[in-house]
Amino acid sequence: MNQTEKKKKAILETTFHLLNQKTIREITVDEIAHKADVSKVTLFKYFHSKNQLINQVIRQNLNQLSLEIKTLIESNLDFNQTYQAILQLKIQQLEHYQPIFSENMMTQYTNSPELLDDALSLQKQIYLLLFQKGQAEGKISSDYSQEDFLLILSIFNSGMKGLSMNLLIEKAEIVSRFFLNGWK
C-alpha cells in the first residue's frame, strides 16, 4: 500500500471510529485530520467535504456487509445454514456498531437521501439470491413471490431495530426458527 492509500485509509478508519462515538455535529474536520495524522489539505485532497467523507464511510460499511452476505449466500451452506450465518453476521454488526453510528447514518440519510440508494439496491439483489436459494432447495414454498419475501424481510428488519442488542442475541435462535419455518 502506497502513502496515498495509507493516508486515505487512515482518514476513512478515523472517521468511522468517530461516527461510532459521536454525533456528526460533534465531529470536526480538524479532529478527523488530527486523529488520522494528516493535514486538512490532505484530507480535502481526497474528500471534497466532511459530508462526502461521511457518505463514503457509511457506503463502505454497508457495501462490506452486503458483500459478506452475498458470499454466504453463494457458499455451499444450505438455505437454513445461510440464513443462520447471515443472522450471526448481523449480530456481529450490532456488536461492532454503537447505536450512535446508526443514528448518524439516519441523520446523514436525511441530508443526502441518495446515500442509501446503491446499498439498498445491492441488498435487494442479494436477498433475492437468498430467496432463489430457498426456493431451489424447497425451503420456500412456490406460493410465495419475491415481493412477499422482501416484504417479510423488511418487517423483520424493522421490528428488530427497536429491540435491544442483548435481547436480539438472546432470542436469535427462536426468531430464526420462526422465520425459517414460516416459509415452508
N, C-alpha and C. Protein backbone atom coordinates (compact mmCIF):
# COMPACT_ATOMS: atom_id res chain seq x y z
N MET A 1 0.85 -1.17 0.00
CA MET A 1 0.00 0.00 0.00
C MET A 1 0.90 1.25 0.00
N ASN A 2 0.66 2.15 -0.94
CA ASN A 2 1.49 3.35 -1.00
C ASN A 2 1.01 4.40 0.01
N GLN A 3 1.74 5.49 0.11
CA GLN A 3 1.44 6.54 1.10
C GLN A 3 0.05 7.13 0.90
N THR A 4 -0.32 7.35 -0.35
CA THR A 4 -1.64 7.91 -0.65
C THR A 4 -2.74 7.00 -0.12
N GLU A 5 -2.63 5.71 -0.42
CA GLU A 5 -3.64 4.75 0.04
C GLU A 5 -3.67 4.66 1.56
N LYS A 6 -2.49 4.71 2.19
CA LYS A 6 -2.42 4.65 3.65
C LYS A 6 -3.10 5.85 4.28
N LYS A 7 -2.88 7.01 3.73
CA LYS A 7 -3.49 8.23 4.28
C LYS A 7 -5.01 8.20 4.11
N LYS A 8 -5.44 7.81 2.93
CA LYS A 8 -6.88 7.73 2.67
C LYS A 8 -7.54 6.71 3.61
N LYS A 9 -6.88 5.58 3.77
CA LYS A 9 -7.40 4.54 4.67
C LYS A 9 -7.46 5.06 6.11
N ALA A 10 -6.43 5.77 6.54
CA ALA A 10 -6.42 6.33 7.90
C ALA A 10 -7.56 7.32 8.10
N ILE A 11 -7.83 8.13 7.09
CA ILE A 11 -8.94 9.10 7.18
C ILE A 11 -10.27 8.37 7.29
N LEU A 12 -10.47 7.36 6.44
CA LEU A 12 -11.73 6.60 6.47
C LEU A 12 -11.92 5.87 7.80
N GLU A 13 -10.87 5.22 8.28
CA GLU A 13 -10.96 4.48 9.55
C GLU A 13 -11.20 5.43 10.72
N THR A 14 -10.52 6.55 10.73
CA THR A 14 -10.70 7.53 11.80
C THR A 14 -12.13 8.06 11.80
N THR A 15 -12.63 8.36 10.62
CA THR A 15 -13.99 8.87 10.51
C THR A 15 -14.99 7.83 10.99
N PHE A 16 -14.78 6.57 10.62
CA PHE A 16 -15.67 5.50 11.11
C PHE A 16 -15.66 5.46 12.64
N HIS A 17 -14.48 5.48 13.24
CA HIS A 17 -14.38 5.41 14.70
C HIS A 17 -15.09 6.60 15.35
N LEU A 18 -14.94 7.76 14.77
CA LEU A 18 -15.61 8.94 15.33
C LEU A 18 -17.13 8.85 15.15
N LEU A 19 -17.58 8.35 14.01
CA LEU A 19 -19.02 8.17 13.80
C LEU A 19 -19.60 7.14 14.75
N ASN A 20 -18.78 6.27 15.25
CA ASN A 20 -19.19 5.23 16.19
C ASN A 20 -19.14 5.74 17.64
N GLN A 21 -18.68 6.99 17.82
CA GLN A 21 -18.54 7.55 19.17
C GLN A 21 -19.31 8.85 19.39
N LYS A 22 -19.49 9.64 18.33
CA LYS A 22 -20.05 10.98 18.47
C LYS A 22 -21.09 11.25 17.39
N THR A 23 -21.89 12.28 17.62
CA THR A 23 -22.81 12.71 16.57
C THR A 23 -22.02 13.42 15.48
N ILE A 24 -22.61 13.47 14.32
CA ILE A 24 -21.96 14.12 13.18
C ILE A 24 -21.63 15.57 13.52
N ARG A 25 -22.56 16.26 14.20
CA ARG A 25 -22.32 17.66 14.55
C ARG A 25 -21.11 17.85 15.45
N GLU A 26 -20.82 16.86 16.27
CA GLU A 26 -19.69 16.95 17.20
C GLU A 26 -18.34 16.66 16.54
N ILE A 27 -18.36 16.07 15.38
CA ILE A 27 -17.13 15.69 14.68
C ILE A 27 -16.70 16.84 13.78
N THR A 28 -15.45 17.22 13.91
CA THR A 28 -14.92 18.29 13.06
C THR A 28 -13.89 17.73 12.08
N VAL A 29 -13.70 18.45 11.00
CA VAL A 29 -12.68 18.07 10.03
C VAL A 29 -11.30 18.15 10.69
N ASP A 30 -11.11 19.15 11.53
CA ASP A 30 -9.83 19.27 12.25
C ASP A 30 -9.55 18.03 13.09
N GLU A 31 -10.58 17.54 13.78
CA GLU A 31 -10.41 16.34 14.61
C GLU A 31 -10.09 15.11 13.77
N ILE A 32 -10.79 14.96 12.66
CA ILE A 32 -10.52 13.82 11.77
C ILE A 32 -9.08 13.86 11.28
N ALA A 33 -8.68 15.03 10.79
CA ALA A 33 -7.31 15.18 10.26
C ALA A 33 -6.28 14.90 11.35
N HIS A 34 -6.50 15.46 12.53
CA HIS A 34 -5.55 15.27 13.63
C HIS A 34 -5.43 13.79 14.01
N LYS A 35 -6.58 13.15 14.21
CA LYS A 35 -6.56 11.74 14.63
C LYS A 35 -6.06 10.80 13.54
N ALA A 36 -6.24 11.19 12.28
CA ALA A 36 -5.75 10.37 11.16
C ALA A 36 -4.28 10.68 10.86
N ASP A 37 -3.76 11.67 11.55
CA ASP A 37 -2.37 12.09 11.38
C ASP A 37 -2.08 12.57 9.96
N VAL A 38 -3.02 13.39 9.44
CA VAL A 38 -2.85 14.02 8.14
C VAL A 38 -3.22 15.49 8.28
N SER A 39 -2.86 16.29 7.31
CA SER A 39 -3.25 17.70 7.32
C SER A 39 -4.66 17.83 6.75
N LYS A 40 -5.28 18.97 7.04
CA LYS A 40 -6.60 19.24 6.46
C LYS A 40 -6.51 19.30 4.94
N VAL A 41 -5.41 19.83 4.44
CA VAL A 41 -5.21 19.91 3.00
C VAL A 41 -5.23 18.51 2.39
N THR A 42 -4.55 17.57 3.05
CA THR A 42 -4.53 16.18 2.57
C THR A 42 -5.93 15.59 2.61
N LEU A 43 -6.63 15.83 3.70
CA LEU A 43 -8.00 15.32 3.82
C LEU A 43 -8.86 15.83 2.67
N PHE A 44 -8.77 17.14 2.40
CA PHE A 44 -9.59 17.72 1.33
C PHE A 44 -9.08 17.35 -0.06
N LYS A 45 -7.88 16.84 -0.14
CA LYS A 45 -7.38 16.34 -1.42
C LYS A 45 -8.16 15.10 -1.84
N TYR A 46 -8.54 14.27 -0.86
CA TYR A 46 -9.25 13.02 -1.13
C TYR A 46 -10.77 13.16 -1.04
N PHE A 47 -11.22 14.07 -0.18
CA PHE A 47 -12.66 14.23 0.05
C PHE A 47 -12.97 15.72 -0.01
N HIS A 48 -13.93 16.08 -0.83
CA HIS A 48 -14.23 17.49 -1.07
C HIS A 48 -14.91 18.16 0.11
N SER A 49 -15.53 17.35 0.98
CA SER A 49 -16.24 17.93 2.12
C SER A 49 -16.38 16.87 3.22
N LYS A 50 -16.70 17.32 4.39
CA LYS A 50 -16.98 16.41 5.51
C LYS A 50 -18.17 15.52 5.14
N ASN A 51 -19.15 16.10 4.50
CA ASN A 51 -20.34 15.36 4.08
C ASN A 51 -19.98 14.22 3.13
N GLN A 52 -19.14 14.50 2.14
CA GLN A 52 -18.73 13.46 1.20
C GLN A 52 -17.95 12.36 1.91
N LEU A 53 -17.08 12.74 2.83
CA LEU A 53 -16.30 11.76 3.59
C LEU A 53 -17.22 10.85 4.41
N ILE A 54 -18.16 11.44 5.10
CA ILE A 54 -19.08 10.64 5.92
C ILE A 54 -19.91 9.72 5.04
N ASN A 55 -20.37 10.22 3.91
CA ASN A 55 -21.12 9.37 2.98
C ASN A 55 -20.27 8.19 2.52
N GLN A 56 -19.02 8.44 2.22
CA GLN A 56 -18.10 7.38 1.77
C GLN A 56 -17.95 6.30 2.85
N VAL A 57 -17.79 6.73 4.10
CA VAL A 57 -17.62 5.78 5.21
C VAL A 57 -18.88 4.93 5.38
N ILE A 58 -20.02 5.55 5.34
CA ILE A 58 -21.28 4.81 5.51
C ILE A 58 -21.47 3.84 4.35
N ARG A 59 -21.28 4.31 3.12
CA ARG A 59 -21.41 3.43 1.96
C ARG A 59 -20.45 2.25 2.04
N GLN A 60 -19.22 2.54 2.42
CA GLN A 60 -18.20 1.49 2.51
C GLN A 60 -18.63 0.41 3.51
N ASN A 61 -19.15 0.81 4.66
CA ASN A 61 -19.57 -0.16 5.66
C ASN A 61 -20.79 -0.95 5.21
N LEU A 62 -21.74 -0.30 4.59
CA LEU A 62 -22.92 -1.01 4.10
C LEU A 62 -22.56 -1.97 2.97
N ASN A 63 -21.70 -1.52 2.07
CA ASN A 63 -21.29 -2.39 0.96
C ASN A 63 -20.50 -3.59 1.46
N GLN A 64 -19.67 -3.39 2.46
CA GLN A 64 -18.89 -4.50 3.02
C GLN A 64 -19.82 -5.56 3.61
N LEU A 65 -20.82 -5.11 4.35
CA LEU A 65 -21.79 -6.05 4.93
C LEU A 65 -22.53 -6.79 3.81
N SER A 66 -22.95 -6.07 2.79
CA SER A 66 -23.66 -6.70 1.67
C SER A 66 -22.80 -7.75 0.98
N LEU A 67 -21.54 -7.44 0.78
CA LEU A 67 -20.65 -8.40 0.14
C LEU A 67 -20.43 -9.64 1.00
N GLU A 68 -20.35 -9.45 2.31
CA GLU A 68 -20.21 -10.60 3.20
C GLU A 68 -21.46 -11.47 3.15
N ILE A 69 -22.63 -10.86 3.09
CA ILE A 69 -23.87 -11.62 2.99
C ILE A 69 -23.93 -12.36 1.65
N LYS A 70 -23.54 -11.68 0.57
CA LYS A 70 -23.54 -12.33 -0.75
C LYS A 70 -22.61 -13.55 -0.75
N THR A 71 -21.46 -13.42 -0.13
CA THR A 71 -20.52 -14.54 -0.04
C THR A 71 -21.16 -15.72 0.69
N LEU A 72 -21.89 -15.44 1.75
CA LEU A 72 -22.58 -16.51 2.49
C LEU A 72 -23.64 -17.18 1.61
N ILE A 73 -24.41 -16.38 0.89
CA ILE A 73 -25.46 -16.94 0.04
C ILE A 73 -24.87 -17.81 -1.06
N GLU A 74 -23.75 -17.39 -1.60
CA GLU A 74 -23.13 -18.14 -2.69
C GLU A 74 -22.28 -19.31 -2.20
N SER A 75 -22.19 -19.49 -0.91
CA SER A 75 -21.38 -20.58 -0.36
C SER A 75 -22.12 -21.91 -0.49
N ASN A 76 -21.50 -22.96 0.00
CA ASN A 76 -22.10 -24.30 -0.05
C ASN A 76 -23.07 -24.56 1.10
N LEU A 77 -23.31 -23.57 1.92
CA LEU A 77 -24.27 -23.74 3.01
C LEU A 77 -25.67 -23.90 2.44
N ASP A 78 -26.50 -24.71 3.11
CA ASP A 78 -27.88 -24.80 2.65
C ASP A 78 -28.63 -23.54 3.10
N PHE A 79 -29.88 -23.42 2.68
CA PHE A 79 -30.65 -22.21 2.95
C PHE A 79 -30.72 -21.89 4.45
N ASN A 80 -31.07 -22.90 5.26
CA ASN A 80 -31.18 -22.65 6.71
C ASN A 80 -29.84 -22.22 7.30
N GLN A 81 -28.77 -22.90 6.92
CA GLN A 81 -27.44 -22.53 7.42
C GLN A 81 -27.04 -21.14 6.95
N THR A 82 -27.40 -20.82 5.72
CA THR A 82 -27.09 -19.50 5.18
C THR A 82 -27.81 -18.42 5.98
N TYR A 83 -29.10 -18.65 6.22
CA TYR A 83 -29.86 -17.66 7.00
C TYR A 83 -29.27 -17.50 8.40
N GLN A 84 -28.91 -18.62 9.03
CA GLN A 84 -28.31 -18.56 10.37
C GLN A 84 -26.99 -17.79 10.33
N ALA A 85 -26.19 -18.02 9.31
CA ALA A 85 -24.90 -17.33 9.18
C ALA A 85 -25.11 -15.83 8.96
N ILE A 86 -26.13 -15.47 8.18
CA ILE A 86 -26.44 -14.05 7.96
C ILE A 86 -26.88 -13.42 9.27
N LEU A 87 -27.70 -14.12 10.01
CA LEU A 87 -28.15 -13.61 11.31
C LEU A 87 -26.96 -13.38 12.25
N GLN A 88 -26.06 -14.33 12.29
CA GLN A 88 -24.86 -14.18 13.13
C GLN A 88 -24.01 -12.99 12.67
N LEU A 89 -23.91 -12.81 11.38
CA LEU A 89 -23.17 -11.67 10.84
C LEU A 89 -23.82 -10.36 11.27
N LYS A 90 -25.13 -10.31 11.23
CA LYS A 90 -25.84 -9.09 11.65
C LYS A 90 -25.69 -8.85 13.15
N ILE A 91 -25.66 -9.92 13.92
CA ILE A 91 -25.43 -9.77 15.37
C ILE A 91 -24.03 -9.22 15.62
N GLN A 92 -23.07 -9.73 14.88
CA GLN A 92 -21.70 -9.20 14.99
C GLN A 92 -21.67 -7.72 14.61
N GLN A 93 -22.46 -7.37 13.61
CA GLN A 93 -22.53 -5.97 13.19
C GLN A 93 -23.09 -5.12 14.34
N LEU A 94 -24.14 -5.60 14.99
CA LEU A 94 -24.71 -4.87 16.12
C LEU A 94 -23.69 -4.66 17.23
N GLU A 95 -22.84 -5.66 17.42
CA GLU A 95 -21.81 -5.54 18.45
C GLU A 95 -20.70 -4.59 18.03
N HIS A 96 -20.45 -4.49 16.73
CA HIS A 96 -19.39 -3.65 16.18
C HIS A 96 -19.79 -2.17 16.14
N TYR A 97 -21.05 -1.92 15.78
CA TYR A 97 -21.54 -0.55 15.66
C TYR A 97 -22.27 -0.14 16.93
N GLN A 98 -21.91 1.01 17.41
CA GLN A 98 -22.62 1.59 18.54
C GLN A 98 -23.94 2.18 18.02
N PRO A 99 -24.93 2.34 18.89
CA PRO A 99 -26.20 2.94 18.43
C PRO A 99 -26.01 4.31 17.77
N ILE A 100 -25.00 5.05 18.20
CA ILE A 100 -24.75 6.38 17.63
C ILE A 100 -24.42 6.28 16.14
N PHE A 101 -23.77 5.19 15.71
CA PHE A 101 -23.45 5.04 14.29
C PHE A 101 -24.74 4.97 13.47
N SER A 102 -25.71 4.20 13.93
CA SER A 102 -26.99 4.10 13.23
C SER A 102 -27.71 5.45 13.21
N GLU A 103 -27.65 6.15 14.33
CA GLU A 103 -28.25 7.49 14.38
C GLU A 103 -27.57 8.41 13.38
N ASN A 104 -26.24 8.35 13.32
CA ASN A 104 -25.50 9.17 12.36
C ASN A 104 -25.85 8.80 10.93
N MET A 105 -26.01 7.52 10.68
CA MET A 105 -26.36 7.07 9.35
C MET A 105 -27.74 7.63 8.94
N MET A 106 -28.69 7.62 9.86
CA MET A 106 -30.02 8.14 9.56
C MET A 106 -29.99 9.66 9.40
N THR A 107 -29.18 10.33 10.22
CA THR A 107 -29.02 11.78 10.08
C THR A 107 -28.45 12.11 8.72
N GLN A 108 -27.43 11.38 8.32
CA GLN A 108 -26.80 11.61 7.03
C GLN A 108 -27.76 11.31 5.90
N TYR A 109 -28.58 10.28 6.07
CA TYR A 109 -29.56 9.90 5.06
C TYR A 109 -30.58 11.02 4.86
N THR A 110 -30.99 11.69 5.93
CA THR A 110 -31.95 12.79 5.78
C THR A 110 -31.33 13.96 5.02
N ASN A 111 -30.02 14.14 5.17
CA ASN A 111 -29.32 15.22 4.45
C ASN A 111 -28.95 14.82 3.03
N SER A 112 -28.74 13.54 2.78
CA SER A 112 -28.34 13.02 1.46
C SER A 112 -29.17 11.78 1.16
N PRO A 113 -30.44 11.95 0.77
CA PRO A 113 -31.31 10.78 0.57
C PRO A 113 -30.78 9.75 -0.41
N GLU A 114 -29.94 10.16 -1.34
CA GLU A 114 -29.38 9.21 -2.31
C GLU A 114 -28.31 8.33 -1.69
N LEU A 115 -27.90 8.63 -0.46
CA LEU A 115 -26.83 7.91 0.23
C LEU A 115 -27.05 6.40 0.22
N LEU A 116 -28.25 5.97 0.51
CA LEU A 116 -28.51 4.54 0.67
C LEU A 116 -29.04 3.87 -0.60
N ASP A 117 -29.24 4.64 -1.66
CA ASP A 117 -29.82 4.06 -2.89
C ASP A 117 -29.04 2.85 -3.38
N ASP A 118 -27.74 3.01 -3.56
CA ASP A 118 -26.92 1.91 -4.07
C ASP A 118 -26.91 0.73 -3.12
N ALA A 119 -26.75 1.03 -1.82
CA ALA A 119 -26.69 -0.04 -0.81
C ALA A 119 -28.01 -0.80 -0.75
N LEU A 120 -29.12 -0.09 -0.80
CA LEU A 120 -30.42 -0.75 -0.74
C LEU A 120 -30.69 -1.56 -2.00
N SER A 121 -30.26 -1.06 -3.13
CA SER A 121 -30.41 -1.81 -4.38
C SER A 121 -29.58 -3.09 -4.35
N LEU A 122 -28.34 -2.98 -3.89
CA LEU A 122 -27.47 -4.15 -3.77
C LEU A 122 -28.05 -5.15 -2.77
N GLN A 123 -28.53 -4.63 -1.63
CA GLN A 123 -29.10 -5.51 -0.61
C GLN A 123 -30.32 -6.25 -1.16
N LYS A 124 -31.15 -5.57 -1.92
CA LYS A 124 -32.34 -6.22 -2.50
C LYS A 124 -31.91 -7.34 -3.44
N GLN A 125 -30.92 -7.09 -4.30
CA GLN A 125 -30.43 -8.12 -5.22
C GLN A 125 -29.89 -9.33 -4.46
N ILE A 126 -29.18 -9.06 -3.37
CA ILE A 126 -28.58 -10.13 -2.59
C ILE A 126 -29.65 -10.97 -1.91
N TYR A 127 -30.66 -10.31 -1.35
CA TYR A 127 -31.72 -11.07 -0.69
C TYR A 127 -32.58 -11.84 -1.68
N LEU A 128 -32.65 -11.36 -2.90
CA LEU A 128 -33.35 -12.14 -3.93
C LEU A 128 -32.57 -13.41 -4.25
N LEU A 129 -31.25 -13.35 -4.17
CA LEU A 129 -30.44 -14.57 -4.32
C LEU A 129 -30.76 -15.56 -3.20
N LEU A 130 -30.93 -15.04 -1.99
CA LEU A 130 -31.29 -15.90 -0.86
C LEU A 130 -32.66 -16.54 -1.10
N PHE A 131 -33.61 -15.75 -1.57
CA PHE A 131 -34.93 -16.26 -1.90
C PHE A 131 -34.84 -17.39 -2.93
N GLN A 132 -34.07 -17.16 -3.98
CA GLN A 132 -33.91 -18.16 -5.04
C GLN A 132 -33.27 -19.43 -4.50
N LYS A 133 -32.30 -19.27 -3.61
CA LYS A 133 -31.66 -20.44 -2.99
C LYS A 133 -32.69 -21.21 -2.16
N GLY A 134 -33.50 -20.51 -1.42
CA GLY A 134 -34.53 -21.16 -0.60
C GLY A 134 -35.56 -21.89 -1.44
N GLN A 135 -35.97 -21.28 -2.53
CA GLN A 135 -36.95 -21.95 -3.39
C GLN A 135 -36.33 -23.14 -4.10
N ALA A 136 -35.08 -23.00 -4.55
CA ALA A 136 -34.41 -24.10 -5.25
C ALA A 136 -34.26 -25.32 -4.35
N GLU A 137 -34.08 -25.10 -3.04
CA GLU A 137 -33.93 -26.20 -2.10
C GLU A 137 -35.26 -26.67 -1.52
N GLY A 138 -36.35 -26.05 -1.93
CA GLY A 138 -37.66 -26.43 -1.41
C GLY A 138 -37.92 -25.92 -0.01
N LYS A 139 -37.15 -24.98 0.46
CA LYS A 139 -37.32 -24.41 1.81
C LYS A 139 -38.31 -23.26 1.81
N ILE A 140 -38.55 -22.68 0.63
CA ILE A 140 -39.54 -21.62 0.48
C ILE A 140 -40.56 -22.10 -0.53
N SER A 141 -41.80 -22.11 -0.11
CA SER A 141 -42.89 -22.58 -0.96
C SER A 141 -42.99 -21.72 -2.22
N SER A 142 -43.38 -22.36 -3.31
CA SER A 142 -43.57 -21.63 -4.57
C SER A 142 -44.79 -20.72 -4.50
N ASP A 143 -45.57 -20.84 -3.41
CA ASP A 143 -46.72 -19.96 -3.21
C ASP A 143 -46.28 -18.52 -2.91
N TYR A 144 -45.03 -18.36 -2.49
CA TYR A 144 -44.53 -17.03 -2.13
C TYR A 144 -43.75 -16.43 -3.29
N SER A 145 -43.95 -15.13 -3.48
CA SER A 145 -43.23 -14.41 -4.53
C SER A 145 -42.00 -13.72 -3.94
N GLN A 146 -41.17 -13.21 -4.81
CA GLN A 146 -40.01 -12.45 -4.36
C GLN A 146 -40.45 -11.23 -3.56
N GLU A 147 -41.53 -10.60 -4.00
CA GLU A 147 -42.05 -9.43 -3.29
C GLU A 147 -42.50 -9.80 -1.88
N ASP A 148 -43.14 -10.98 -1.73
CA ASP A 148 -43.55 -11.45 -0.41
C ASP A 148 -42.33 -11.60 0.50
N PHE A 149 -41.29 -12.19 -0.04
CA PHE A 149 -40.07 -12.44 0.72
C PHE A 149 -39.43 -11.12 1.17
N LEU A 150 -39.32 -10.16 0.25
CA LEU A 150 -38.72 -8.87 0.58
C LEU A 150 -39.56 -8.12 1.61
N LEU A 151 -40.88 -8.24 1.51
CA LEU A 151 -41.77 -7.59 2.47
C LEU A 151 -41.56 -8.16 3.87
N ILE A 152 -41.53 -9.48 3.99
CA ILE A 152 -41.33 -10.11 5.29
C ILE A 152 -39.96 -9.77 5.86
N LEU A 153 -38.93 -9.77 5.02
CA LEU A 153 -37.59 -9.38 5.49
C LEU A 153 -37.60 -7.96 6.00
N SER A 154 -38.27 -7.08 5.29
CA SER A 154 -38.35 -5.68 5.70
C SER A 154 -39.05 -5.55 7.06
N ILE A 155 -40.13 -6.29 7.23
CA ILE A 155 -40.86 -6.27 8.51
C ILE A 155 -39.97 -6.79 9.63
N PHE A 156 -39.28 -7.89 9.38
CA PHE A 156 -38.37 -8.45 10.39
C PHE A 156 -37.28 -7.45 10.75
N ASN A 157 -36.64 -6.87 9.72
CA ASN A 157 -35.56 -5.93 9.97
C ASN A 157 -36.05 -4.70 10.72
N SER A 158 -37.20 -4.18 10.34
CA SER A 158 -37.74 -3.00 11.02
C SER A 158 -38.07 -3.31 12.47
N GLY A 159 -38.66 -4.46 12.69
CA GLY A 159 -39.03 -4.86 14.05
C GLY A 159 -37.82 -5.07 14.94
N MET A 160 -36.75 -5.60 14.37
CA MET A 160 -35.55 -5.86 15.16
C MET A 160 -34.83 -4.57 15.55
N LYS A 161 -34.99 -3.52 14.76
CA LYS A 161 -34.30 -2.26 15.05
C LYS A 161 -34.75 -1.66 16.38
N GLY A 162 -35.97 -1.94 16.79
CA GLY A 162 -36.48 -1.37 18.03
C GLY A 162 -36.13 -2.18 19.27
N LEU A 163 -35.44 -3.29 19.10
CA LEU A 163 -35.12 -4.16 20.22
C LEU A 163 -33.68 -3.97 20.69
N SER A 164 -33.44 -4.31 21.93
CA SER A 164 -32.07 -4.18 22.45
C SER A 164 -31.19 -5.28 21.86
N MET A 165 -29.90 -4.97 21.75
CA MET A 165 -28.96 -5.94 21.21
C MET A 165 -28.94 -7.21 22.06
N ASN A 166 -28.97 -7.07 23.37
CA ASN A 166 -28.93 -8.24 24.25
C ASN A 166 -30.13 -9.16 24.02
N LEU A 167 -31.30 -8.57 23.86
CA LEU A 167 -32.49 -9.38 23.61
C LEU A 167 -32.40 -10.07 22.25
N LEU A 168 -31.93 -9.36 21.24
CA LEU A 168 -31.78 -9.97 19.91
C LEU A 168 -30.81 -11.14 19.94
N ILE A 169 -29.72 -10.97 20.64
CA ILE A 169 -28.74 -12.05 20.74
C ILE A 169 -29.32 -13.23 21.50
N GLU A 170 -30.00 -12.93 22.59
CA GLU A 170 -30.59 -13.99 23.41
C GLU A 170 -31.67 -14.77 22.66
N LYS A 171 -32.45 -14.09 21.84
CA LYS A 171 -33.60 -14.71 21.17
C LYS A 171 -33.34 -15.02 19.69
N ALA A 172 -32.09 -14.93 19.25
CA ALA A 172 -31.77 -15.13 17.83
C ALA A 172 -32.25 -16.48 17.31
N GLU A 173 -32.07 -17.52 18.10
CA GLU A 173 -32.45 -18.85 17.63
C GLU A 173 -33.95 -18.98 17.43
N ILE A 174 -34.74 -18.49 18.36
CA ILE A 174 -36.20 -18.61 18.23
C ILE A 174 -36.71 -17.75 17.08
N VAL A 175 -36.13 -16.58 16.88
CA VAL A 175 -36.52 -15.72 15.76
C VAL A 175 -36.19 -16.43 14.45
N SER A 176 -35.03 -17.04 14.39
CA SER A 176 -34.63 -17.76 13.18
C SER A 176 -35.57 -18.92 12.89
N ARG A 177 -35.87 -19.71 13.91
CA ARG A 177 -36.77 -20.85 13.69
C ARG A 177 -38.13 -20.38 13.19
N PHE A 178 -38.65 -19.32 13.79
CA PHE A 178 -39.94 -18.78 13.39
C PHE A 178 -39.89 -18.32 11.93
N PHE A 179 -38.84 -17.58 11.58
CA PHE A 179 -38.69 -17.09 10.22
C PHE A 179 -38.57 -18.22 9.22
N LEU A 180 -37.69 -19.14 9.49
CA LEU A 180 -37.42 -20.23 8.55
C LEU A 180 -38.61 -21.18 8.40
N ASN A 181 -39.28 -21.49 9.48
CA ASN A 181 -40.40 -22.42 9.41
C ASN A 181 -41.63 -21.81 8.75
N GLY A 182 -41.72 -20.50 8.74
CA GLY A 182 -42.87 -19.84 8.15
C GLY A 182 -42.90 -19.86 6.64
N TRP A 183 -41.80 -20.22 6.01
CA TRP A 183 -41.72 -20.20 4.55
C TRP A 183 -42.09 -21.54 3.91
N LYS A 184 -42.24 -22.58 4.70
CA LYS A 184 -42.47 -23.91 4.12
C LYS A 184 -43.85 -24.05 3.53
